[in-house]
Amino acid sequence: MLYLSSSPHIHHGETVSQIMRAVIYSLLPACMVAVYFFGLPALQVLIVAVGGCVVTEQACQRLLGKPSTVADGSAVLTGILLALNLPPTAPWWMTLIGAVVAIAIGKQVFGGLGANPFNPALVARVVLLISFPVQMTTWSAPAPLGSGLDLVTMATPLGEWKNSVMLTGKLPDSMAAGTLDYFLGDMAGCIGEVSALALLLGAVWLFWKKILTWQIPVAYIGTVVLLGGLFWLIDPAKYPDPLFHLLTGGLVLGAFYMATDMVTTPVSSHGMLLFGVGCGVLTVLIRLFGGYPEGVSFAILLMNAATPLIDRYLRPRPFGVAQRRVES
């Protein structure tokens, strides 16, 4: 029997649902660490975000007369990523609004999975940050599950650094003793920004499964380390060291889980490297000179917008082009 279909004609063997499930499993350590450090409020954000994304996707597809694709896991993954980009004290209604924005505006309005130009979870985060700045910038100190402690308002390490530089012109004293806490997750921040260790464990598993490629994460993190280190060498009393850039904020989450979205990033290896470098440069510039202490979300979304141009000008050479030129 003859089958007619569009390219590609060679299938790797993995389905969309298998890839989505693998990424979801890799994020479970970060989710568990978040629930441990922030307790039931973090769990509530995760449940509302995931549930809101699933219900919104099902409702959008029914209104558009499309078959349901909720079972592929993409809506669940978007919900988890959205939750990891929110404070643990985010109210349920704001989390639900974010879920609706992520799916309806960030994904379905463009045609669904595979057609969205921007990362849906980051679209929702930026919309919430602009619409509800107080709720989105109210952070709490860790209160480990079972400790009996209540969540207390506290600045994030990046926010503390930004405020100290603006008020005193120098780094805060607390930065010197916080490296291990930053790595393990014992600090204020978004649910998914607090533990670089948990995120790296999940990323290693994705590399082992060959779902992640090295170009974007290495280029992104390497650029932040090099550029951030350059400013640190110029004025170490004002600018944080590269390790602080790496372990605080959403850099690890963004580099391994948000900037590597297959739909919104370039397809060629050279394009991926340029994409990662662009994300790194924008992140450092926004952190050091912008109004917000964090710049990962804005950097990735801006580079998502540049992806079509990158794919256009760094297009892979078609097979056989060089040989034909030689023969001619």
C-alpha atoms as a PDB file:
ATOM      1  CA  MET A   1       0.000   0.000   0.000  1.00  0.00           C
ATOM      2  CA  LEU A   2       1.308   3.468  -0.921  1.00  0.00           C
ATOM      3  CA  TYR A   3       1.157   6.150   1.774  1.00  0.00           C
ATOM      4  CA  LEU A   4       1.390   9.825   0.829  1.00  0.00           C
ATOM      5  CA  SER A   5       2.378  12.257   3.577  1.00  0.00           C
ATOM      6  CA  SER A   6       4.380  15.412   4.185  1.00  0.00           C
ATOM      7  CA  SER A   7       7.877  15.394   5.629  1.00  0.00           C
ATOM      8  CA  PRO A   8       9.520  14.347   7.843  1.00  0.00           C
ATOM      9  CA  HIS A   9       9.414  10.740   6.677  1.00  0.00           C
ATOM     10  CA  ILE A  10      11.749   9.368   9.370  1.00  0.00           C
ATOM     11  CA  HIS A  11      10.144   9.101  12.810  1.00  0.00           C
ATOM     12  CA  HIS A  12      12.216   9.032  15.976  1.00  0.00           C
ATOM     13  CA  GLY A  13       9.675   6.839  17.721  1.00  0.00           C
ATOM     14  CA  GLU A  14       8.716   9.312  20.458  1.00  0.00           C
ATOM     15  CA  THR A  15       5.285  10.893  20.549  1.00  0.00           C
ATOM     16  CA  VAL A  16       4.275  14.315  21.836  1.00  0.00           C
ATOM     17  CA  SER A  17       2.660  12.784  24.905  1.00  0.00           C
ATOM     18  CA  GLN A  18       5.816  10.804  25.723  1.00  0.00           C
ATOM     19  CA  ILE A  19       7.960  13.936  25.567  1.00  0.00           C
ATOM     20  CA  MET A  20       5.478  15.923  27.659  1.00  0.00           C
ATOM     21  CA  ARG A  21       5.332  13.211  30.297  1.00  0.00           C
ATOM     22  CA  ALA A  22       9.128  13.041  30.459  1.00  0.00           C
ATOM     23  CA  VAL A  23       9.388  16.791  31.068  1.00  0.00           C
ATOM     24  CA  ILE A  24       6.624  16.623  33.676  1.00  0.00           C
ATOM     25  CA  TYR A  25       8.459  13.840  35.515  1.00  0.00           C
ATOM     26  CA  SER A  26      11.679  15.857  35.424  1.00  0.00           C
ATOM     27  CA  LEU A  27       9.931  18.777  37.142  1.00  0.00           C
ATOM     28  CA  LEU A  28       8.589  16.674  40.016  1.00  0.00           C
ATOM     29  CA  PRO A  29      11.721  17.162  42.185  1.00  0.00           C
ATOM     30  CA  ALA A  30      11.370  20.937  41.888  1.00  0.00           C
ATOM     31  CA  CYS A  31       7.655  20.704  42.732  1.00  0.00           C
ATOM     32  CA  MET A  32       8.379  18.558  45.802  1.00  0.00           C
ATOM     33  CA  VAL A  33      11.096  20.928  47.017  1.00  0.00           C
ATOM     34  CA  ALA A  34       8.703  23.869  46.575  1.00  0.00           C
ATOM     35  CA  VAL A  35       5.993  22.135  48.612  1.00  0.00           C
ATOM     36  CA  TYR A  36       8.568  21.251  51.283  1.00  0.00           C
ATOM     37  CA  PHE A  37       9.825  24.820  51.651  1.00  0.00           C
ATOM     38  CA  PHE A  38       6.510  26.669  51.226  1.00  0.00           C
ATOM     39  CA  GLY A  39       3.951  24.081  52.334  1.00  0.00           C
ATOM     40  CA  LEU A  40       0.304  23.952  51.312  1.00  0.00           C
ATOM     41  CA  PRO A  41       0.227  27.410  49.641  1.00  0.00           C
ATOM     42  CA  ALA A  42       2.677  26.157  47.008  1.00  0.00           C
ATOM     43  CA  LEU A  43       0.643  22.979  46.531  1.00  0.00           C
ATOM     44  CA  GLN A  44      -2.508  25.074  46.051  1.00  0.00           C
ATOM     45  CA  VAL A  45      -0.793  27.151  43.337  1.00  0.00           C
ATOM     46  CA  LEU A  46       0.294  23.979  41.538  1.00  0.00           C
ATOM     47  CA  ILE A  47      -3.167  22.395  41.670  1.00  0.00           C
ATOM     48  CA  VAL A  48      -5.034  25.537  40.556  1.00  0.00           C
ATOM     49  CA  ALA A  49      -2.570  26.259  37.730  1.00  0.00           C
ATOM     50  CA  VAL A  50      -2.644  22.722  36.337  1.00  0.00           C
ATOM     51  CA  GLY A  51      -6.401  22.361  36.724  1.00  0.00           C
ATOM     52  CA  GLY A  52      -7.047  25.766  35.174  1.00  0.00           C
ATOM     53  CA  CYS A  53      -4.861  25.002  32.158  1.00  0.00           C
ATOM     54  CA  VAL A  54      -6.504  21.612  31.537  1.00  0.00           C
ATOM     55  CA  VAL A  55     -10.053  22.975  31.832  1.00  0.00           C
ATOM     56  CA  THR A  56      -9.255  26.002  29.662  1.00  0.00           C
ATOM     57  CA  GLU A  57      -7.715  23.875  26.914  1.00  0.00           C
ATOM     58  CA  GLN A  58     -10.696  21.517  26.901  1.00  0.00           C
ATOM     59  CA  ALA A  59     -13.128  24.452  26.773  1.00  0.00           C
ATOM     60  CA  CYS A  60     -11.231  26.223  23.963  1.00  0.00           C
ATOM     61  CA  GLN A  61     -11.090  23.124  21.812  1.00  0.00           C
ATOM     62  CA  ARG A  62     -14.760  22.414  22.337  1.00  0.00           C
ATOM     63  CA  LEU A  63     -15.694  25.989  21.385  1.00  0.00           C
ATOM     64  CA  LEU A  64     -13.504  25.767  18.274  1.00  0.00           C
ATOM     65  CA  GLY A  65     -14.901  22.367  17.327  1.00  0.00           C
ATOM     66  CA  LYS A  66     -11.503  20.674  17.542  1.00  0.00           C
ATOM     67  CA  PRO A  67     -10.790  17.216  18.956  1.00  0.00           C
ATOM     68  CA  SER A  68      -9.497  17.236  22.525  1.00  0.00           C
ATOM     69  CA  THR A  69      -5.725  17.014  22.963  1.00  0.00           C
ATOM     70  CA  VAL A  70      -5.691  17.284  26.737  1.00  0.00           C
ATOM     71  CA  ALA A  71      -4.366  13.737  26.968  1.00  0.00           C
ATOM     72  CA  ASP A  72      -1.074  14.709  25.307  1.00  0.00           C
ATOM     73  CA  GLY A  73       0.020  16.373  28.552  1.00  0.00           C
ATOM     74  CA  SER A  74       0.928  19.768  27.085  1.00  0.00           C
ATOM     75  CA  ALA A  75      -1.711  21.590  29.155  1.00  0.00           C
ATOM     76  CA  VAL A  76      -0.509  19.880  32.338  1.00  0.00           C
ATOM     77  CA  LEU A  77       3.085  20.869  31.563  1.00  0.00           C
ATOM     78  CA  THR A  78       2.043  24.473  30.889  1.00  0.00           C
ATOM     79  CA  GLY A  79       0.224  24.529  34.221  1.00  0.00           C
ATOM     80  CA  ILE A  80       3.271  23.224  36.092  1.00  0.00           C
ATOM     81  CA  LEU A  81       5.588  25.733  34.412  1.00  0.00           C
ATOM     82  CA  LEU A  82       3.142  28.552  35.155  1.00  0.00           C
ATOM     83  CA  ALA A  83       2.957  27.541  38.813  1.00  0.00           C
ATOM     84  CA  LEU A  84       6.742  27.378  39.056  1.00  0.00           C
ATOM     85  CA  ASN A  85       6.841  30.981  37.802  1.00  0.00           C
ATOM     86  CA  LEU A  86       4.479  32.275  40.507  1.00  0.00           C
ATOM     87  CA  PRO A  87       5.052  33.247  44.155  1.00  0.00           C
ATOM     88  CA  PRO A  88       3.885  30.636  46.691  1.00  0.00           C
ATOM     89  CA  THR A  89       1.469  33.227  48.095  1.00  0.00           C
ATOM     90  CA  ALA A  90      -0.239  33.866  44.732  1.00  0.00           C
ATOM     91  CA  PRO A  91      -4.028  34.004  45.325  1.00  0.00           C
ATOM     92  CA  TRP A  92      -6.088  31.301  43.643  1.00  0.00           C
ATOM     93  CA  TRP A  93      -7.985  33.739  41.439  1.00  0.00           C
ATOM     94  CA  MET A  94      -4.791  35.246  40.053  1.00  0.00           C
ATOM     95  CA  THR A  95      -3.364  31.792  39.389  1.00  0.00           C
ATOM     96  CA  LEU A  96      -6.573  30.855  37.558  1.00  0.00           C
ATOM     97  CA  ILE A  97      -6.393  34.019  35.440  1.00  0.00           C
ATOM     98  CA  GLY A  98      -2.823  33.101  34.553  1.00  0.00           C
ATOM     99  CA  ALA A  99      -3.917  29.618  33.480  1.00  0.00           C
ATOM    100  CA  VAL A 100      -6.617  31.026  31.210  1.00  0.00           C
ATOM    101  CA  VAL A 101      -4.187  33.529  29.676  1.00  0.00           C
ATOM    102  CA  ALA A 102      -1.512  30.868  29.136  1.00  0.00           C
ATOM    103  CA  ILE A 103      -3.802  28.492  27.246  1.00  0.00           C
ATOM    104  CA  ALA A 104      -6.364  30.772  25.586  1.00  0.00           C
ATOM    105  CA  ILE A 105      -4.089  33.677  24.631  1.00  0.00           C
ATOM    106  CA  GLY A 106      -0.624  32.157  24.721  1.00  0.00           C
ATOM    107  CA  LYS A 107      -1.517  28.964  22.879  1.00  0.00           C
ATOM    108  CA  GLN A 108      -4.989  28.369  21.430  1.00  0.00           C
ATOM    109  CA  VAL A 109      -5.426  31.771  19.799  1.00  0.00           C
ATOM    110  CA  PHE A 110      -2.474  30.912  17.533  1.00  0.00           C
ATOM    111  CA  GLY A 111      -3.832  27.493  16.610  1.00  0.00           C
ATOM    112  CA  GLY A 112      -2.796  25.263  19.492  1.00  0.00           C
ATOM    113  CA  LEU A 113       0.315  23.240  20.245  1.00  0.00           C
ATOM    114  CA  GLY A 114       3.025  23.719  17.652  1.00  0.00           C
ATOM    115  CA  ALA A 115       1.691  27.044  16.347  1.00  0.00           C
ATOM    116  CA  ASN A 116       2.326  29.356  19.319  1.00  0.00           C
ATOM    117  CA  PRO A 117       5.240  31.786  18.790  1.00  0.00           C
ATOM    118  CA  PHE A 118       5.736  32.503  22.503  1.00  0.00           C
ATOM    119  CA  ASN A 119       6.097  30.281  25.535  1.00  0.00           C
ATOM    120  CA  PRO A 120       2.535  30.193  26.986  1.00  0.00           C
ATOM    121  CA  ALA A 121       3.603  30.020  30.638  1.00  0.00           C
ATOM    122  CA  LEU A 122       5.871  33.056  30.245  1.00  0.00           C
ATOM    123  CA  VAL A 123       3.138  34.974  28.433  1.00  0.00           C
ATOM    124  CA  ALA A 124       0.898  34.400  31.444  1.00  0.00           C
ATOM    125  CA  ARG A 125       3.598  35.372  33.910  1.00  0.00           C
ATOM    126  CA  VAL A 126       4.345  38.669  32.184  1.00  0.00           C
ATOM    127  CA  VAL A 127       0.628  39.486  31.872  1.00  0.00           C
ATOM    128  CA  LEU A 128       0.164  38.810  35.590  1.00  0.00           C
ATOM    129  CA  LEU A 129       3.294  40.804  36.477  1.00  0.00           C
ATOM    130  CA  ILE A 130       2.007  43.827  34.589  1.00  0.00           C
ATOM    131  CA  SER A 131      -1.600  43.461  35.777  1.00  0.00           C
ATOM    132  CA  PHE A 132      -0.999  42.525  39.426  1.00  0.00           C
ATOM    133  CA  PRO A 133       2.477  43.844  40.347  1.00  0.00           C
ATOM    134  CA  VAL A 134       1.866  43.795  44.103  1.00  0.00           C
ATOM    135  CA  GLN A 135       0.765  40.161  44.274  1.00  0.00           C
ATOM    136  CA  MET A 136       3.469  39.093  41.810  1.00  0.00           C
ATOM    137  CA  THR A 137       6.267  40.764  43.772  1.00  0.00           C
ATOM    138  CA  THR A 138       5.205  39.760  47.278  1.00  0.00           C
ATOM    139  CA  TRP A 139       7.549  37.001  48.405  1.00  0.00           C
ATOM    140  CA  SER A 140       7.711  34.893  51.542  1.00  0.00           C
ATOM    141  CA  ALA A 141      10.497  33.313  53.525  1.00  0.00           C
ATOM    142  CA  PRO A 142      10.656  29.506  53.436  1.00  0.00           C
ATOM    143  CA  ALA A 143       8.566  27.747  56.094  1.00  0.00           C
ATOM    144  CA  PRO A 144       9.388  24.020  55.747  1.00  0.00           C
ATOM    145  CA  LEU A 145       6.441  21.643  55.740  1.00  0.00           C
ATOM    146  CA  GLY A 146       5.734  20.409  59.263  1.00  0.00           C
ATOM    147  CA  SER A 147       7.702  23.176  60.968  1.00  0.00           C
ATOM    148  CA  GLY A 148       4.565  24.987  62.111  1.00  0.00           C
ATOM    149  CA  LEU A 149       5.917  28.300  60.819  1.00  0.00           C
ATOM    150  CA  ASP A 150       3.755  30.746  58.912  1.00  0.00           C
ATOM    151  CA  LEU A 151       4.882  32.305  55.661  1.00  0.00           C
ATOM    152  CA  VAL A 152       6.485  35.684  56.365  1.00  0.00           C
ATOM    153  CA  THR A 153       7.071  38.370  53.741  1.00  0.00           C
ATOM    154  CA  MET A 154      10.697  38.534  52.634  1.00  0.00           C
ATOM    155  CA  ALA A 155      12.668  39.937  49.696  1.00  0.00           C
ATOM    156  CA  THR A 156      14.215  37.618  47.131  1.00  0.00           C
ATOM    157  CA  PRO A 157      18.038  37.604  46.873  1.00  0.00           C
ATOM    158  CA  LEU A 158      17.826  39.474  43.563  1.00  0.00           C
ATOM    159  CA  GLY A 159      15.385  41.992  45.032  1.00  0.00           C
ATOM    160  CA  GLU A 160      17.539  42.454  48.116  1.00  0.00           C
ATOM    161  CA  TRP A 161      20.587  43.071  45.936  1.00  0.00           C
ATOM    162  CA  LYS A 162      18.708  45.540  43.730  1.00  0.00           C
ATOM    163  CA  ASN A 163      17.353  47.495  46.688  1.00  0.00           C
ATOM    164  CA  SER A 164      20.731  47.584  48.436  1.00  0.00           C
ATOM    165  CA  VAL A 165      22.507  48.882  45.333  1.00  0.00           C
ATOM    166  CA  MET A 166      19.848  51.551  44.800  1.00  0.00           C
ATOM    167  CA  LEU A 167      19.936  52.725  48.439  1.00  0.00           C
ATOM    168  CA  THR A 168      23.585  52.274  49.428  1.00  0.00           C
ATOM    169  CA  GLY A 169      25.413  51.714  46.152  1.00  0.00           C
ATOM    170  CA  LYS A 170      26.903  48.399  47.308  1.00  0.00           C
ATOM    171  CA  LEU A 171      26.046  44.729  47.729  1.00  0.00           C
ATOM    172  CA  PRO A 172      24.093  43.547  50.793  1.00  0.00           C
ATOM    173  CA  ASP A 173      26.082  41.744  53.499  1.00  0.00           C
ATOM    174  CA  SER A 174      23.765  38.707  53.386  1.00  0.00           C
ATOM    175  CA  MET A 175      24.963  37.699  49.915  1.00  0.00           C
ATOM    176  CA  ALA A 176      28.269  36.276  51.147  1.00  0.00           C
ATOM    177  CA  ALA A 177      26.711  33.548  53.296  1.00  0.00           C
ATOM    178  CA  GLY A 178      23.844  32.472  51.079  1.00  0.00           C
ATOM    179  CA  THR A 179      25.424  30.397  48.304  1.00  0.00           C
ATOM    180  CA  LEU A 180      24.544  26.969  49.715  1.00  0.00           C
ATOM    181  CA  ASP A 181      21.030  28.101  50.625  1.00  0.00           C
ATOM    182  CA  TYR A 182      20.561  29.409  47.094  1.00  0.00           C
ATOM    183  CA  PHE A 183      21.677  26.087  45.641  1.00  0.00           C
ATOM    184  CA  LEU A 184      19.401  23.977  47.858  1.00  0.00           C
ATOM    185  CA  GLY A 185      16.392  26.290  47.685  1.00  0.00           C
ATOM    186  CA  ASP A 186      16.228  27.847  51.150  1.00  0.00           C
ATOM    187  CA  MET A 187      15.372  31.363  49.971  1.00  0.00           C
ATOM    188  CA  ALA A 188      12.447  33.502  48.899  1.00  0.00           C
ATOM    189  CA  GLY A 189      11.348  33.455  45.287  1.00  0.00           C
ATOM    190  CA  CYS A 190       8.971  31.899  42.802  1.00  0.00           C
ATOM    191  CA  ILE A 191       7.995  28.303  43.440  1.00  0.00           C
ATOM    192  CA  GLY A 192      10.295  26.954  40.760  1.00  0.00           C
ATOM    193  CA  GLU A 193      13.202  29.350  41.288  1.00  0.00           C
ATOM    194  CA  VAL A 194      14.207  28.280  44.744  1.00  0.00           C
ATOM    195  CA  SER A 195      16.184  25.070  44.172  1.00  0.00           C
ATOM    196  CA  ALA A 196      18.838  24.925  41.475  1.00  0.00           C
ATOM    197  CA  LEU A 197      19.713  21.412  42.673  1.00  0.00           C
ATOM    198  CA  ALA A 198      16.228  20.007  42.041  1.00  0.00           C
ATOM    199  CA  LEU A 199      16.029  21.628  38.617  1.00  0.00           C
ATOM    200  CA  LEU A 200      19.479  20.362  37.621  1.00  0.00           C
ATOM    201  CA  LEU A 201      18.562  16.811  38.635  1.00  0.00           C
ATOM    202  CA  GLY A 202      15.559  16.942  36.326  1.00  0.00           C
ATOM    203  CA  ALA A 203      17.619  18.486  33.527  1.00  0.00           C
ATOM    204  CA  VAL A 204      20.243  15.723  33.768  1.00  0.00           C
ATOM    205  CA  TRP A 205      17.493  13.143  33.321  1.00  0.00           C
ATOM    206  CA  LEU A 206      16.179  14.976  30.254  1.00  0.00           C
ATOM    207  CA  PHE A 207      19.668  15.025  28.754  1.00  0.00           C
ATOM    208  CA  TRP A 208      19.947  11.303  29.404  1.00  0.00           C
ATOM    209  CA  LYS A 209      16.596  10.778  27.650  1.00  0.00           C
ATOM    210  CA  LYS A 210      17.925  12.910  24.751  1.00  0.00           C
ATOM    211  CA  ILE A 211      14.989  15.295  25.009  1.00  0.00           C
ATOM    212  CA  LEU A 212      17.206  18.297  25.774  1.00  0.00           C
ATOM    213  CA  THR A 213      20.070  19.458  23.592  1.00  0.00           C
ATOM    214  CA  TRP A 214      23.036  21.336  25.002  1.00  0.00           C
ATOM    215  CA  GLN A 215      23.152  24.386  22.728  1.00  0.00           C
ATOM    216  CA  ILE A 216      20.583  26.702  24.339  1.00  0.00           C
ATOM    217  CA  PRO A 217      21.278  25.941  28.033  1.00  0.00           C
ATOM    218  CA  VAL A 218      25.061  26.130  27.615  1.00  0.00           C
ATOM    219  CA  ALA A 219      24.926  29.304  25.518  1.00  0.00           C
ATOM    220  CA  TYR A 220      22.390  30.920  27.869  1.00  0.00           C
ATOM    221  CA  ILE A 221      24.141  30.114  31.144  1.00  0.00           C
ATOM    222  CA  GLY A 222      27.617  30.643  29.684  1.00  0.00           C
ATOM    223  CA  THR A 223      26.686  34.117  28.431  1.00  0.00           C
ATOM    224  CA  VAL A 224      25.212  35.095  31.811  1.00  0.00           C
ATOM    225  CA  VAL A 225      28.320  33.847  33.610  1.00  0.00           C
ATOM    226  CA  LEU A 226      30.730  35.596  31.230  1.00  0.00           C
ATOM    227  CA  LEU A 227      28.863  38.905  30.946  1.00  0.00           C
ATOM    228  CA  GLY A 228      27.862  38.963  34.609  1.00  0.00           C
ATOM    229  CA  GLY A 229      31.443  38.083  35.552  1.00  0.00           C
ATOM    230  CA  LEU A 230      32.757  40.947  33.418  1.00  0.00           C
ATOM    231  CA  PHE A 231      30.630  43.503  35.275  1.00  0.00           C
ATOM    232  CA  TRP A 232      31.622  41.882  38.581  1.00  0.00           C
ATOM    233  CA  LEU A 233      35.315  42.258  37.741  1.00  0.00           C
ATOM    234  CA  ILE A 234      34.755  45.893  36.798  1.00  0.00           C
ATOM    235  CA  ASP A 235      32.997  46.761  40.089  1.00  0.00           C
ATOM    236  CA  PRO A 236      32.733  43.853  42.583  1.00  0.00           C
ATOM    237  CA  ALA A 237      31.298  46.164  45.234  1.00  0.00           C
ATOM    238  CA  LYS A 238      28.230  46.895  43.126  1.00  0.00           C
ATOM    239  CA  TYR A 239      27.624  43.971  40.783  1.00  0.00           C
ATOM    240  CA  PRO A 240      27.022  40.377  41.978  1.00  0.00           C
ATOM    241  CA  ASP A 241      29.367  37.542  41.083  1.00  0.00           C
ATOM    242  CA  PRO A 242      28.472  34.996  38.362  1.00  0.00           C
ATOM    243  CA  LEU A 243      27.537  32.308  40.898  1.00  0.00           C
ATOM    244  CA  PHE A 244      24.897  34.605  42.377  1.00  0.00           C
ATOM    245  CA  HIS A 245      23.444  35.178  38.897  1.00  0.00           C
ATOM    246  CA  LEU A 246      23.375  31.443  38.298  1.00  0.00           C
ATOM    247  CA  LEU A 247      21.764  30.268  41.549  1.00  0.00           C
ATOM    248  CA  THR A 248      19.197  33.001  42.166  1.00  0.00           C
ATOM    249  CA  GLY A 249      16.123  33.996  40.199  1.00  0.00           C
ATOM    250  CA  GLY A 250      14.786  31.966  37.314  1.00  0.00           C
ATOM    251  CA  LEU A 251      17.976  31.400  35.316  1.00  0.00           C
ATOM    252  CA  VAL A 252      18.204  27.615  35.809  1.00  0.00           C
ATOM    253  CA  LEU A 253      14.460  27.141  35.290  1.00  0.00           C
ATOM    254  CA  GLY A 254      14.523  29.374  32.231  1.00  0.00           C
ATOM    255  CA  ALA A 255      17.659  27.934  30.658  1.00  0.00           C
ATOM    256  CA  PHE A 256      16.643  24.279  30.897  1.00  0.00           C
ATOM    257  CA  TYR A 257      12.841  24.337  30.781  1.00  0.00           C
ATOM    258  CA  MET A 258      11.561  27.599  29.243  1.00  0.00           C
ATOM    259  CA  ALA A 259      14.143  28.633  26.667  1.00  0.00           C
ATOM    260  CA  THR A 260      14.365  25.074  25.303  1.00  0.00           C
ATOM    261  CA  ASP A 261      10.725  24.905  24.221  1.00  0.00           C
ATOM    262  CA  MET A 262      10.815  23.095  20.873  1.00  0.00           C
ATOM    263  CA  VAL A 263       8.024  25.189  19.368  1.00  0.00           C
ATOM    264  CA  THR A 264       9.308  28.689  20.149  1.00  0.00           C
ATOM    265  CA  THR A 265      13.062  28.270  19.566  1.00  0.00           C
ATOM    266  CA  PRO A 266      15.236  27.973  16.436  1.00  0.00           C
ATOM    267  CA  VAL A 267      15.636  24.641  14.692  1.00  0.00           C
ATOM    268  CA  SER A 268      19.306  24.799  13.685  1.00  0.00           C
ATOM    269  CA  SER A 269      22.270  24.305  16.022  1.00  0.00           C
ATOM    270  CA  HIS A 270      23.742  27.700  15.143  1.00  0.00           C
ATOM    271  CA  GLY A 271      20.348  29.295  15.646  1.00  0.00           C
ATOM    272  CA  MET A 272      20.022  27.692  19.082  1.00  0.00           C
ATOM    273  CA  LEU A 273      23.430  29.028  20.101  1.00  0.00           C
ATOM    274  CA  LEU A 274      22.500  32.537  18.973  1.00  0.00           C
ATOM    275  CA  PHE A 275      19.159  32.245  20.758  1.00  0.00           C
ATOM    276  CA  GLY A 276      20.887  31.251  24.008  1.00  0.00           C
ATOM    277  CA  VAL A 277      23.441  34.055  23.740  1.00  0.00           C
ATOM    278  CA  GLY A 278      20.658  36.575  23.124  1.00  0.00           C
ATOM    279  CA  CYS A 279      18.729  35.328  26.173  1.00  0.00           C
ATOM    280  CA  GLY A 280      21.869  35.604  28.304  1.00  0.00           C
ATOM    281  CA  VAL A 281      22.735  39.133  27.201  1.00  0.00           C
ATOM    282  CA  LEU A 282      19.180  40.389  27.720  1.00  0.00           C
ATOM    283  CA  THR A 283      18.901  38.716  31.120  1.00  0.00           C
ATOM    284  CA  VAL A 284      22.064  40.360  32.440  1.00  0.00           C
ATOM    285  CA  LEU A 285      21.211  43.788  31.025  1.00  0.00           C
ATOM    286  CA  ILE A 286      17.689  43.720  32.480  1.00  0.00           C
ATOM    287  CA  ARG A 287      18.942  42.493  35.849  1.00  0.00           C
ATOM    288  CA  LEU A 288      21.713  45.069  36.150  1.00  0.00           C
ATOM    289  CA  PHE A 289      20.151  48.103  34.502  1.00  0.00           C
ATOM    290  CA  GLY A 290      16.400  47.446  34.211  1.00  0.00           C
ATOM    291  CA  GLY A 291      13.572  48.336  36.543  1.00  0.00           C
ATOM    292  CA  TYR A 292      12.960  44.705  37.516  1.00  0.00           C
ATOM    293  CA  PRO A 293      15.526  42.645  39.451  1.00  0.00           C
ATOM    294  CA  GLU A 294      14.765  39.630  37.229  1.00  0.00           C
ATOM    295  CA  GLY A 295      14.947  39.475  33.457  1.00  0.00           C
ATOM    296  CA  VAL A 296      14.629  35.818  32.438  1.00  0.00           C
ATOM    297  CA  SER A 297      10.979  35.937  31.367  1.00  0.00           C
ATOM    298  CA  PHE A 298      11.362  39.112  29.315  1.00  0.00           C
ATOM    299  CA  ALA A 299      14.600  37.874  27.737  1.00  0.00           C
ATOM    300  CA  ILE A 300      13.106  34.565  26.576  1.00  0.00           C
ATOM    301  CA  LEU A 301       9.939  36.180  25.206  1.00  0.00           C
ATOM    302  CA  LEU A 302      11.959  38.768  23.278  1.00  0.00           C
ATOM    303  CA  MET A 303      14.112  36.025  21.772  1.00  0.00           C
ATOM    304  CA  ASN A 304      10.956  34.005  20.973  1.00  0.00           C
ATOM    305  CA  ALA A 305       9.921  36.980  18.849  1.00  0.00           C
ATOM    306  CA  ALA A 306      13.303  36.879  17.102  1.00  0.00           C
ATOM    307  CA  THR A 307      13.136  33.128  16.377  1.00  0.00           C
ATOM    308  CA  PRO A 308      11.623  33.476  12.850  1.00  0.00           C
ATOM    309  CA  LEU A 309      14.437  35.860  11.879  1.00  0.00           C
ATOM    310  CA  ILE A 310      17.073  33.535  13.315  1.00  0.00           C
ATOM    311  CA  ASP A 311      15.612  30.586  11.414  1.00  0.00           C
ATOM    312  CA  ARG A 312      15.533  32.672   8.233  1.00  0.00           C
ATOM    313  CA  TYR A 313      19.140  33.854   8.301  1.00  0.00           C
ATOM    314  CA  LEU A 314      20.736  30.779   9.887  1.00  0.00           C
ATOM    315  CA  ARG A 315      18.925  28.292   7.700  1.00  0.00           C
ATOM    316  CA  PRO A 316      20.723  24.917   7.411  1.00  0.00           C
ATOM    317  CA  ARG A 317      22.282  24.301   4.003  1.00  0.00           C
ATOM    318  CA  PRO A 318      20.223  21.823   1.966  1.00  0.00           C
ATOM    319  CA  PHE A 319      21.818  18.450   1.415  1.00  0.00           C
ATOM    320  CA  GLY A 320      23.851  18.362  -1.781  1.00  0.00           C
ATOM    321  CA  VAL A 321      24.162  22.134  -2.311  1.00  0.00           C
ATOM    322  CA  ALA A 322      27.945  22.201  -1.878  1.00  0.00           C
ATOM    323  CA  GLN A 323      28.412  19.266  -4.227  1.00  0.00           C
ATOM    324  CA  ARG A 324      26.360  20.886  -6.989  1.00  0.00           C
ATOM    325  CA  ARG A 325      28.372  24.099  -6.690  1.00  0.00           C
ATOM    326  CA  VAL A 326      31.631  22.156  -7.071  1.00  0.00           C
ATOM    327  CA  GLU A 327      30.341  20.306 -10.133  1.00  0.00           C
ATOM    328  CA  SER A 328      29.203  23.518 -11.776  1.00  0.00           C
END
